[in-house]
């Protein structure tokens, strides 16, 4: 089974770097779900809960962007904390 390579980066530190089966993020206009083989995309983030691997890792994020390319998900956020 294919997995996503996920990184969550804030101005202070890299908060998460690893593999997951899914990512759910608070986009500026609602939640977006990412699974392996997702089409390439970039979206801005709003405020809310970022869930990695169905909720195994959870972060409160505010602002920033999410990029998906070739099963790699990068979340660069202005502000984040573990939930």
C-alpha atoms as a PDB file:
ATOM      1  CA  UNK A   1       0.000   0.000   0.000  1.00  0.00           C
ATOM      2  CA  UNK A   2       1.311   3.433  -0.925  1.00  0.00           C
ATOM      3  CA  UNK A   3       1.877   5.950   1.845  1.00  0.00           C
ATOM      4  CA  UNK A   4       2.253   9.702   1.896  1.00  0.00           C
ATOM      5  CA  UNK A   5       5.484  11.333   3.045  1.00  0.00           C
ATOM      6  CA  UNK A   6       4.319  14.139   5.316  1.00  0.00           C
ATOM      7  CA  UNK A   7       6.135  17.095   6.858  1.00  0.00           C
ATOM      8  CA  UNK A   8       4.657  19.802   9.081  1.00  0.00           C
ATOM      9  CA  UNK A   9       6.813  22.889   9.399  1.00  0.00           C
ATOM     10  CA  UNK A  10       6.279  26.010  11.515  1.00  0.00           C
ATOM     11  CA  UNK A  11       8.582  29.010  11.934  1.00  0.00           C
ATOM     12  CA  UNK A  12       9.880  27.509  15.190  1.00  0.00           C
ATOM     13  CA  UNK A  13      10.548  23.896  14.160  1.00  0.00           C
ATOM     14  CA  UNK A  14       9.709  20.869  12.053  1.00  0.00           C
ATOM     15  CA  UNK A  15       6.829  19.405  14.062  1.00  0.00           C
ATOM     16  CA  UNK A  16       6.346  16.168  12.138  1.00  0.00           C
ATOM     17  CA  UNK A  17       8.224  14.224   9.499  1.00  0.00           C
ATOM     18  CA  UNK A  18       7.069  10.736   8.589  1.00  0.00           C
ATOM     19  CA  UNK A  19       4.707   8.539   6.587  1.00  0.00           C
ATOM     20  CA  UNK A  20       0.936   8.307   6.804  1.00  0.00           C
ATOM     21  CA  UNK A  21      -2.000   6.803   4.938  1.00  0.00           C
ATOM     22  CA  UNK A  22      -3.969  10.084   4.946  1.00  0.00           C
ATOM     23  CA  UNK A  23      -3.926  13.784   5.817  1.00  0.00           C
ATOM     24  CA  UNK A  24      -6.933  15.990   6.607  1.00  0.00           C
ATOM     25  CA  UNK A  25      -6.250  19.721   6.703  1.00  0.00           C
ATOM     26  CA  UNK A  26      -8.234  22.921   7.286  1.00  0.00           C
ATOM     27  CA  UNK A  27      -8.041  24.700   3.926  1.00  0.00           C
ATOM     28  CA  UNK A  28      -9.164  28.337   3.752  1.00  0.00           C
ATOM     29  CA  UNK A  29     -12.604  27.288   2.422  1.00  0.00           C
ATOM     30  CA  UNK A  30     -13.192  23.979   4.257  1.00  0.00           C
ATOM     31  CA  UNK A  31     -11.460  20.697   5.037  1.00  0.00           C
ATOM     32  CA  UNK A  32      -9.423  18.887   2.418  1.00  0.00           C
ATOM     33  CA  UNK A  33      -8.564  15.190   2.533  1.00  0.00           C
ATOM     34  CA  UNK A  34      -5.393  13.805   0.963  1.00  0.00           C
ATOM     35  CA  UNK A  35      -4.835  10.126   0.145  1.00  0.00           C
ATOM     36  CA  UNK A  36      -1.981   8.447  -1.772  1.00  0.00           C
ATOM     37  CA  UNK A  37      -1.967   9.205  -5.530  1.00  0.00           C
ATOM     38  CA  UNK A  38      -3.721  12.569  -4.962  1.00  0.00           C
ATOM     39  CA  UNK A  39      -3.431  15.018  -7.836  1.00  0.00           C
ATOM     40  CA  UNK A  40      -0.811  17.755  -7.390  1.00  0.00           C
ATOM     41  CA  UNK A  41      -2.220  20.790  -5.600  1.00  0.00           C
ATOM     42  CA  UNK A  42      -1.448  23.816  -3.462  1.00  0.00           C
ATOM     43  CA  UNK A  43      -3.943  25.461  -1.113  1.00  0.00           C
ATOM     44  CA  UNK A  44      -3.815  28.062   1.615  1.00  0.00           C
ATOM     45  CA  UNK A  45      -4.670  26.979   5.133  1.00  0.00           C
ATOM     46  CA  UNK A  46      -7.218  28.447   7.487  1.00  0.00           C
ATOM     47  CA  UNK A  47      -7.445  27.778  11.206  1.00  0.00           C
ATOM     48  CA  UNK A  48      -8.321  24.326  12.511  1.00  0.00           C
ATOM     49  CA  UNK A  49      -7.191  20.775  13.161  1.00  0.00           C
ATOM     50  CA  UNK A  50      -4.596  19.073  10.964  1.00  0.00           C
ATOM     51  CA  UNK A  51      -4.958  15.287  11.235  1.00  0.00           C
ATOM     52  CA  UNK A  52      -2.299  12.891  10.002  1.00  0.00           C
ATOM     53  CA  UNK A  53      -2.944   9.156   9.662  1.00  0.00           C
ATOM     54  CA  UNK A  54      -6.602   9.333  10.632  1.00  0.00           C
ATOM     55  CA  UNK A  55      -5.853  11.312  13.786  1.00  0.00           C
ATOM     56  CA  UNK A  56      -2.741   9.500  15.047  1.00  0.00           C
ATOM     57  CA  UNK A  57      -0.977  12.876  14.927  1.00  0.00           C
ATOM     58  CA  UNK A  58      -3.000  16.063  15.462  1.00  0.00           C
ATOM     59  CA  UNK A  59      -1.995  19.706  15.301  1.00  0.00           C
ATOM     60  CA  UNK A  60      -3.870  22.975  15.719  1.00  0.00           C
ATOM     61  CA  UNK A  61      -2.743  25.106  12.780  1.00  0.00           C
ATOM     62  CA  UNK A  62      -3.416  28.650  11.694  1.00  0.00           C
ATOM     63  CA  UNK A  63      -2.509  30.029   8.275  1.00  0.00           C
ATOM     64  CA  UNK A  64       0.139  28.901   5.824  1.00  0.00           C
ATOM     65  CA  UNK A  65      -0.158  26.509   2.904  1.00  0.00           C
ATOM     66  CA  UNK A  66      -0.320  22.822   1.968  1.00  0.00           C
ATOM     67  CA  UNK A  67       1.372  21.328  -1.093  1.00  0.00           C
ATOM     68  CA  UNK A  68       0.875  17.848  -2.571  1.00  0.00           C
ATOM     69  CA  UNK A  69       3.253  16.475  -5.227  1.00  0.00           C
ATOM     70  CA  UNK A  70       4.091  12.803  -5.942  1.00  0.00           C
ATOM     71  CA  UNK A  71       2.769  11.433  -2.616  1.00  0.00           C
ATOM     72  CA  UNK A  72       4.663  14.131  -0.678  1.00  0.00           C
ATOM     73  CA  UNK A  73       2.577  16.448   1.510  1.00  0.00           C
ATOM     74  CA  UNK A  74       4.207  19.592   2.880  1.00  0.00           C
ATOM     75  CA  UNK A  75       2.353  21.689   5.411  1.00  0.00           C
ATOM     76  CA  UNK A  76       4.008  25.041   6.093  1.00  0.00           C
ATOM     77  CA  UNK A  77       2.068  26.874   8.755  1.00  0.00           C
ATOM     78  CA  UNK A  78       2.370  30.271  10.407  1.00  0.00           C
ATOM     79  CA  UNK A  79       1.384  28.869  13.790  1.00  0.00           C
ATOM     80  CA  UNK A  80       1.018  25.288  15.053  1.00  0.00           C
ATOM     81  CA  UNK A  81       0.797  23.320  18.283  1.00  0.00           C
ATOM     82  CA  UNK A  82       0.204  19.670  19.115  1.00  0.00           C
ATOM     83  CA  UNK A  83      -3.400  18.929  19.950  1.00  0.00           C
END
